[in-house]
Amino acid sequence: MESVSILMDAEVKKAAQELFARLGIDMSTAINMFLRQSVHQNTLTLDFPPKGSKVKLGGWEGKIWMADDFDEPLEDFKEYM
């Protein structure tokens, strides 16, 4: 295992820690889940506004994968583990 240091807004960090605590995981686990899922899917998997919303993606156009079902990426992650 290796250590990674990141800078983030203090309010975002606190809110994220509270959210993850409610979900029964810590910040490190959540970040590892996100990174593993991104590597597994070979893309950046984030939740964006609903389809049809006007969002400018610039160079990310066509490179971002969005699941129709929120649980779908989690099921893929479970299979990956």
C-alpha atoms as a PDB file:
ATOM      1  CA  MET A   1       0.000   0.000   0.000  1.00  0.00           C
ATOM      2  CA  GLU A   2       1.077   3.559  -0.632  1.00  0.00           C
ATOM      3  CA  SER A   3       0.053   6.859   0.885  1.00  0.00           C
ATOM      4  CA  VAL A   4      -1.465   9.713  -1.139  1.00  0.00           C
ATOM      5  CA  SER A   5      -1.916  13.286   0.073  1.00  0.00           C
ATOM      6  CA  ILE A   6      -4.549  15.540  -1.449  1.00  0.00           C
ATOM      7  CA  LEU A   7      -5.743  19.064  -0.761  1.00  0.00           C
ATOM      8  CA  MET A   8      -9.465  19.723  -0.472  1.00  0.00           C
ATOM      9  CA  ASP A   9     -11.880  22.265   0.873  1.00  0.00           C
ATOM     10  CA  ALA A  10     -12.364  21.764   4.631  1.00  0.00           C
ATOM     11  CA  GLU A  11     -16.162  21.939   4.358  1.00  0.00           C
ATOM     12  CA  VAL A  12     -16.219  19.351   1.567  1.00  0.00           C
ATOM     13  CA  LYS A  13     -13.954  17.067   3.601  1.00  0.00           C
ATOM     14  CA  LYS A  14     -16.188  17.324   6.673  1.00  0.00           C
ATOM     15  CA  ALA A  15     -19.372  16.720   4.659  1.00  0.00           C
ATOM     16  CA  ALA A  16     -17.789  13.751   2.876  1.00  0.00           C
ATOM     17  CA  GLN A  17     -16.588  12.220   6.148  1.00  0.00           C
ATOM     18  CA  GLU A  18     -20.092  12.554   7.608  1.00  0.00           C
ATOM     19  CA  LEU A  19     -21.644  10.975   4.514  1.00  0.00           C
ATOM     20  CA  PHE A  20     -19.191   8.093   4.444  1.00  0.00           C
ATOM     21  CA  ALA A  21     -19.657   7.488   8.183  1.00  0.00           C
ATOM     22  CA  ARG A  22     -23.408   7.139   7.568  1.00  0.00           C
ATOM     23  CA  LEU A  23     -22.577   4.634   4.825  1.00  0.00           C
ATOM     24  CA  GLY A  24     -20.273   2.717   7.156  1.00  0.00           C
ATOM     25  CA  ILE A  25     -17.002   3.472   5.358  1.00  0.00           C
ATOM     26  CA  ASP A  26     -14.134   5.900   5.848  1.00  0.00           C
ATOM     27  CA  MET A  27     -12.639   8.442   3.441  1.00  0.00           C
ATOM     28  CA  SER A  28      -9.795   6.125   2.423  1.00  0.00           C
ATOM     29  CA  THR A  29     -12.203   3.315   1.513  1.00  0.00           C
ATOM     30  CA  ALA A  30     -14.433   5.689  -0.476  1.00  0.00           C
ATOM     31  CA  ILE A  31     -11.502   7.102  -2.445  1.00  0.00           C
ATOM     32  CA  ASN A  32     -10.133   3.609  -3.103  1.00  0.00           C
ATOM     33  CA  MET A  33     -13.580   2.504  -4.342  1.00  0.00           C
ATOM     34  CA  PHE A  34     -13.718   5.477  -6.712  1.00  0.00           C
ATOM     35  CA  LEU A  35     -10.193   4.878  -8.043  1.00  0.00           C
ATOM     36  CA  ARG A  36     -10.692   1.123  -8.485  1.00  0.00           C
ATOM     37  CA  GLN A  37     -13.986   1.706 -10.298  1.00  0.00           C
ATOM     38  CA  SER A  38     -12.371   4.295 -12.585  1.00  0.00           C
ATOM     39  CA  VAL A  39      -9.528   1.901 -13.433  1.00  0.00           C
ATOM     40  CA  HIS A  40     -11.923  -1.036 -13.890  1.00  0.00           C
ATOM     41  CA  GLN A  41     -14.216   0.967 -16.200  1.00  0.00           C
ATOM     42  CA  ASN A  42     -11.245   2.721 -17.839  1.00  0.00           C
ATOM     43  CA  THR A  43     -13.085   6.014 -17.462  1.00  0.00           C
ATOM     44  CA  LEU A  44     -14.037   8.682 -14.970  1.00  0.00           C
ATOM     45  CA  THR A  45     -17.311   7.575 -13.370  1.00  0.00           C
ATOM     46  CA  LEU A  46     -19.145  10.496 -11.800  1.00  0.00           C
ATOM     47  CA  ASP A  47     -22.792  11.446 -11.456  1.00  0.00           C
ATOM     48  CA  PHE A  48     -23.667  14.358 -13.715  1.00  0.00           C
ATOM     49  CA  PRO A  49     -26.926  16.242 -14.232  1.00  0.00           C
ATOM     50  CA  PRO A  50     -29.740  14.244 -15.900  1.00  0.00           C
ATOM     51  CA  LYS A  51     -29.563  13.504 -19.601  1.00  0.00           C
ATOM     52  CA  GLY A  52     -30.894  16.375 -21.620  1.00  0.00           C
ATOM     53  CA  SER A  53     -29.344  18.972 -19.318  1.00  0.00           C
ATOM     54  CA  LYS A  54     -26.986  21.333 -21.055  1.00  0.00           C
ATOM     55  CA  VAL A  55     -23.533  20.486 -19.723  1.00  0.00           C
ATOM     56  CA  LYS A  56     -20.299  21.538 -21.403  1.00  0.00           C
ATOM     57  CA  LEU A  57     -17.838  18.660 -21.143  1.00  0.00           C
ATOM     58  CA  GLY A  58     -15.133  20.009 -23.431  1.00  0.00           C
ATOM     59  CA  GLY A  59     -12.379  17.433 -23.953  1.00  0.00           C
ATOM     60  CA  TRP A  60     -14.280  14.894 -21.818  1.00  0.00           C
ATOM     61  CA  GLU A  61     -17.110  14.632 -24.387  1.00  0.00           C
ATOM     62  CA  GLY A  62     -17.646  10.950 -25.219  1.00  0.00           C
ATOM     63  CA  LYS A  63     -15.155   9.803 -22.554  1.00  0.00           C
ATOM     64  CA  ILE A  64     -17.417   9.884 -19.504  1.00  0.00           C
ATOM     65  CA  TRP A  65     -19.564   6.871 -18.706  1.00  0.00           C
ATOM     66  CA  MET A  66     -22.766   7.372 -16.722  1.00  0.00           C
ATOM     67  CA  ALA A  67     -24.791   4.445 -15.396  1.00  0.00           C
ATOM     68  CA  ASP A  68     -28.555   4.547 -15.813  1.00  0.00           C
ATOM     69  CA  ASP A  69     -28.837   2.549 -12.581  1.00  0.00           C
ATOM     70  CA  PHE A  70     -26.963   3.871  -9.535  1.00  0.00           C
ATOM     71  CA  ASP A  71     -26.248   0.333  -8.264  1.00  0.00           C
ATOM     72  CA  GLU A  72     -24.806  -0.888 -11.565  1.00  0.00           C
ATOM     73  CA  PRO A  73     -21.261   0.481 -10.983  1.00  0.00           C
ATOM     74  CA  LEU A  74     -21.316  -0.939  -7.454  1.00  0.00           C
ATOM     75  CA  GLU A  75     -22.204  -4.385  -8.793  1.00  0.00           C
ATOM     76  CA  ASP A  76     -19.333  -4.127 -11.271  1.00  0.00           C
ATOM     77  CA  PHE A  77     -17.039  -3.095  -8.404  1.00  0.00           C
ATOM     78  CA  LYS A  78     -18.091  -6.138  -6.346  1.00  0.00           C
ATOM     79  CA  GLU A  79     -17.264  -8.396  -9.299  1.00  0.00           C
ATOM     80  CA  TYR A  80     -13.887  -6.670  -9.669  1.00  0.00           C
ATOM     81  CA  MET A  81     -13.002  -7.240  -6.028  1.00  0.00           C
END
